[in-house]
Amino acid sequence: MASKRNSDSYLTKRHIKSASRKGFEEASKKAMEAAGSVVVVEDHKVVRKYQDGRTEELARINKPPKAKVKAAVSKLAFS
């Protein structure tokens, strides 16, 4: 019975992840059509992407040390 529940849970997570990815992609395309550009995060940078393919770097995001990330994750996992 536990394996059935785990497989249902896995499928649910997989479906939610897929649906949300599709939703974000669709929203991004609509925003690009309406505004002519979208702001995204890529490679630790905040960039504005334009319809014609240009990109403009708006800010850099400093990657936090691994120790801080591990501490934050464990804090969230045990809250």
N, C-alpha and C. Protein backbone atom coordinates (compact mmCIF):
# COMPACT_ATOMS: atom_id res chain seq x y z
N MET A 1 0.81 -1.19 0.00
CA MET A 1 0.00 0.00 0.00
C MET A 1 0.86 1.26 0.00
N ALA A 2 1.98 1.23 0.70
CA ALA A 2 2.87 2.40 0.76
C ALA A 2 3.45 2.71 -0.61
N SER A 3 3.79 1.65 -1.38
CA SER A 3 4.38 1.91 -2.70
C SER A 3 3.36 2.55 -3.64
N LYS A 4 2.10 2.18 -3.52
CA LYS A 4 1.05 2.81 -4.33
C LYS A 4 0.96 4.30 -4.01
N ARG A 5 1.01 4.62 -2.72
CA ARG A 5 0.93 6.01 -2.31
C ARG A 5 2.14 6.80 -2.80
N ASN A 6 3.31 6.21 -2.72
CA ASN A 6 4.52 6.89 -3.19
C ASN A 6 4.48 7.12 -4.69
N SER A 7 3.99 6.14 -5.45
CA SER A 7 3.95 6.33 -6.90
C SER A 7 2.91 7.40 -7.26
N ASP A 8 1.78 7.44 -6.56
CA ASP A 8 0.79 8.49 -6.81
C ASP A 8 1.39 9.86 -6.52
N SER A 9 2.12 9.96 -5.41
CA SER A 9 2.74 11.22 -5.02
C SER A 9 3.76 11.64 -6.08
N TYR A 10 4.57 10.71 -6.56
CA TYR A 10 5.57 11.02 -7.58
C TYR A 10 4.91 11.51 -8.85
N LEU A 11 3.87 10.82 -9.29
CA LEU A 11 3.19 11.24 -10.51
C LEU A 11 2.57 12.62 -10.35
N THR A 12 2.01 12.88 -9.20
CA THR A 12 1.41 14.18 -8.95
C THR A 12 2.46 15.28 -9.03
N LYS A 13 3.60 15.07 -8.39
CA LYS A 13 4.68 16.07 -8.44
C LYS A 13 5.16 16.27 -9.87
N ARG A 14 5.28 15.18 -10.60
CA ARG A 14 5.75 15.25 -11.98
C ARG A 14 4.76 16.04 -12.84
N HIS A 15 3.48 15.79 -12.66
CA HIS A 15 2.46 16.50 -13.43
C HIS A 15 2.43 17.99 -13.08
N ILE A 16 2.56 18.29 -11.81
CA ILE A 16 2.56 19.70 -11.39
C ILE A 16 3.77 20.42 -11.96
N LYS A 17 4.92 19.77 -11.91
CA LYS A 17 6.15 20.38 -12.44
C LYS A 17 6.01 20.64 -13.94
N SER A 18 5.49 19.67 -14.66
CA SER A 18 5.31 19.82 -16.10
C SER A 18 4.30 20.92 -16.44
N ALA A 19 3.19 20.93 -15.72
CA ALA A 19 2.16 21.94 -15.98
C ALA A 19 2.67 23.34 -15.65
N SER A 20 3.40 23.48 -14.55
CA SER A 20 3.90 24.80 -14.19
C SER A 20 4.94 25.28 -15.20
N ARG A 21 5.79 24.38 -15.69
CA ARG A 21 6.80 24.76 -16.69
C ARG A 21 6.09 25.26 -17.95
N LYS A 22 5.07 24.53 -18.39
CA LYS A 22 4.32 24.95 -19.58
C LYS A 22 3.64 26.29 -19.36
N GLY A 23 3.09 26.48 -18.18
CA GLY A 23 2.43 27.74 -17.86
C GLY A 23 3.38 28.92 -17.88
N PHE A 24 4.58 28.72 -17.30
CA PHE A 24 5.57 29.80 -17.30
C PHE A 24 6.04 30.11 -18.71
N GLU A 25 6.24 29.07 -19.52
CA GLU A 25 6.68 29.29 -20.90
C GLU A 25 5.62 30.08 -21.69
N GLU A 26 4.35 29.71 -21.50
CA GLU A 26 3.27 30.41 -22.19
C GLU A 26 3.16 31.87 -21.73
N ALA A 27 3.26 32.08 -20.42
CA ALA A 27 3.18 33.43 -19.87
C ALA A 27 4.35 34.28 -20.36
N SER A 28 5.53 33.67 -20.45
CA SER A 28 6.70 34.40 -20.93
C SER A 28 6.53 34.83 -22.39
N LYS A 29 5.99 33.92 -23.21
CA LYS A 29 5.75 34.25 -24.62
C LYS A 29 4.73 35.39 -24.75
N LYS A 30 3.66 35.33 -23.95
CA LYS A 30 2.64 36.38 -23.99
C LYS A 30 3.21 37.72 -23.51
N ALA A 31 4.03 37.69 -22.48
CA ALA A 31 4.65 38.91 -21.98
C ALA A 31 5.59 39.50 -23.02
N MET A 32 6.33 38.63 -23.70
CA MET A 32 7.25 39.10 -24.75
C MET A 32 6.47 39.78 -25.86
N GLU A 33 5.34 39.19 -26.26
CA GLU A 33 4.51 39.79 -27.32
C GLU A 33 3.93 41.13 -26.87
N ALA A 34 3.49 41.19 -25.64
CA ALA A 34 2.83 42.41 -25.14
C ALA A 34 3.81 43.53 -24.85
N ALA A 35 4.94 43.21 -24.23
CA ALA A 35 5.86 44.25 -23.77
C ALA A 35 7.11 44.39 -24.64
N GLY A 36 7.39 43.38 -25.45
CA GLY A 36 8.59 43.45 -26.28
C GLY A 36 9.85 42.95 -25.60
N SER A 37 9.76 42.63 -24.30
CA SER A 37 10.91 42.10 -23.58
C SER A 37 10.44 41.41 -22.31
N VAL A 38 11.29 40.54 -21.77
CA VAL A 38 11.03 39.89 -20.48
C VAL A 38 12.33 39.91 -19.67
N VAL A 39 12.18 39.90 -18.36
CA VAL A 39 13.34 39.86 -17.47
C VAL A 39 13.43 38.46 -16.89
N VAL A 40 14.62 37.85 -17.02
CA VAL A 40 14.85 36.49 -16.54
C VAL A 40 16.19 36.42 -15.80
N VAL A 41 16.39 35.30 -15.11
CA VAL A 41 17.67 35.05 -14.45
C VAL A 41 18.36 33.94 -15.23
N GLU A 42 19.61 34.19 -15.63
CA GLU A 42 20.43 33.21 -16.36
C GLU A 42 21.86 33.33 -15.89
N ASP A 43 22.47 32.21 -15.56
CA ASP A 43 23.90 32.17 -15.21
C ASP A 43 24.27 33.22 -14.16
N HIS A 44 23.50 33.29 -13.10
CA HIS A 44 23.76 34.22 -11.99
C HIS A 44 23.70 35.68 -12.42
N LYS A 45 22.88 35.97 -13.45
CA LYS A 45 22.68 37.34 -13.91
C LYS A 45 21.19 37.58 -14.14
N VAL A 46 20.75 38.79 -13.85
CA VAL A 46 19.39 39.22 -14.21
C VAL A 46 19.52 39.92 -15.55
N VAL A 47 18.82 39.40 -16.55
CA VAL A 47 18.93 39.96 -17.90
C VAL A 47 17.55 40.26 -18.48
N ARG A 48 17.51 41.27 -19.34
CA ARG A 48 16.30 41.57 -20.09
C ARG A 48 16.52 41.03 -21.50
N LYS A 49 15.57 40.19 -21.95
CA LYS A 49 15.63 39.62 -23.30
C LYS A 49 14.61 40.35 -24.16
N TYR A 50 15.06 40.77 -25.33
CA TYR A 50 14.19 41.49 -26.27
C TYR A 50 13.74 40.56 -27.39
N GLN A 51 12.65 40.92 -28.07
CA GLN A 51 12.11 40.12 -29.16
C GLN A 51 13.11 39.88 -30.27
N ASP A 52 13.96 40.86 -30.53
CA ASP A 52 14.92 40.73 -31.64
C ASP A 52 16.14 39.89 -31.27
N GLY A 53 16.16 39.34 -30.03
CA GLY A 53 17.26 38.46 -29.63
C GLY A 53 18.33 39.13 -28.78
N ARG A 54 18.28 40.46 -28.69
CA ARG A 54 19.26 41.15 -27.85
C ARG A 54 19.04 40.81 -26.39
N THR A 55 20.11 40.89 -25.59
CA THR A 55 19.99 40.75 -24.14
C THR A 55 20.73 41.90 -23.48
N GLU A 56 20.21 42.33 -22.35
CA GLU A 56 20.82 43.41 -21.60
C GLU A 56 21.00 42.94 -20.15
N GLU A 57 22.23 42.95 -19.67
CA GLU A 57 22.48 42.54 -18.30
C GLU A 57 22.07 43.66 -17.35
N LEU A 58 21.18 43.33 -16.42
CA LEU A 58 20.69 44.32 -15.47
C LEU A 58 21.41 44.25 -14.13
N ALA A 59 21.77 43.03 -13.70
CA ALA A 59 22.45 42.87 -12.42
C ALA A 59 23.10 41.49 -12.36
N ARG A 60 24.11 41.39 -11.51
CA ARG A 60 24.74 40.10 -11.24
C ARG A 60 24.28 39.61 -9.89
N ILE A 61 24.10 38.30 -9.80
CA ILE A 61 23.69 37.69 -8.54
C ILE A 61 24.89 36.94 -7.98
N ASN A 62 25.32 37.31 -6.78
CA ASN A 62 26.43 36.61 -6.16
C ASN A 62 25.96 35.25 -5.68
N LYS A 63 26.71 34.23 -6.04
CA LYS A 63 26.39 32.88 -5.62
C LYS A 63 26.76 32.73 -4.15
N PRO A 64 25.81 32.33 -3.30
CA PRO A 64 26.13 32.20 -1.87
C PRO A 64 27.06 31.02 -1.63
N PRO A 65 27.86 31.09 -0.57
CA PRO A 65 28.73 29.95 -0.24
C PRO A 65 27.90 28.70 0.02
N LYS A 66 28.46 27.53 -0.31
CA LYS A 66 27.73 26.26 -0.17
C LYS A 66 27.26 26.04 1.27
N ALA A 67 28.05 26.47 2.24
CA ALA A 67 27.68 26.26 3.64
C ALA A 67 26.38 26.99 3.97
N LYS A 68 26.20 28.20 3.44
CA LYS A 68 24.98 28.95 3.69
C LYS A 68 23.78 28.29 3.02
N VAL A 69 23.98 27.76 1.84
CA VAL A 69 22.90 27.08 1.13
C VAL A 69 22.49 25.83 1.89
N LYS A 70 23.46 25.03 2.32
CA LYS A 70 23.15 23.81 3.07
C LYS A 70 22.41 24.14 4.37
N ALA A 71 22.83 25.18 5.06
CA ALA A 71 22.18 25.56 6.30
C ALA A 71 20.74 26.00 6.06
N ALA A 72 20.51 26.76 4.99
CA ALA A 72 19.16 27.22 4.66
C ALA A 72 18.26 26.06 4.28
N VAL A 73 18.80 25.12 3.51
CA VAL A 73 18.01 23.96 3.08
C VAL A 73 17.65 23.09 4.28
N SER A 74 18.62 22.83 5.15
CA SER A 74 18.33 21.99 6.30
C SER A 74 17.35 22.69 7.25
N LYS A 75 17.43 23.99 7.33
CA LYS A 75 16.50 24.75 8.18
C LYS A 75 15.08 24.61 7.63
N LEU A 76 14.93 24.69 6.31
CA LEU A 76 13.62 24.54 5.69
C LEU A 76 13.10 23.12 5.82
N ALA A 77 13.99 22.15 5.67
CA ALA A 77 13.58 20.74 5.69
C ALA A 77 13.08 20.32 7.07
N PHE A 78 13.60 20.92 8.12
CA PHE A 78 13.24 20.49 9.47
C PHE A 78 12.31 21.48 10.15
N SER A 79 11.77 22.43 9.43
CA SER A 79 10.81 23.40 10.02
C SER A 79 9.44 22.83 10.10
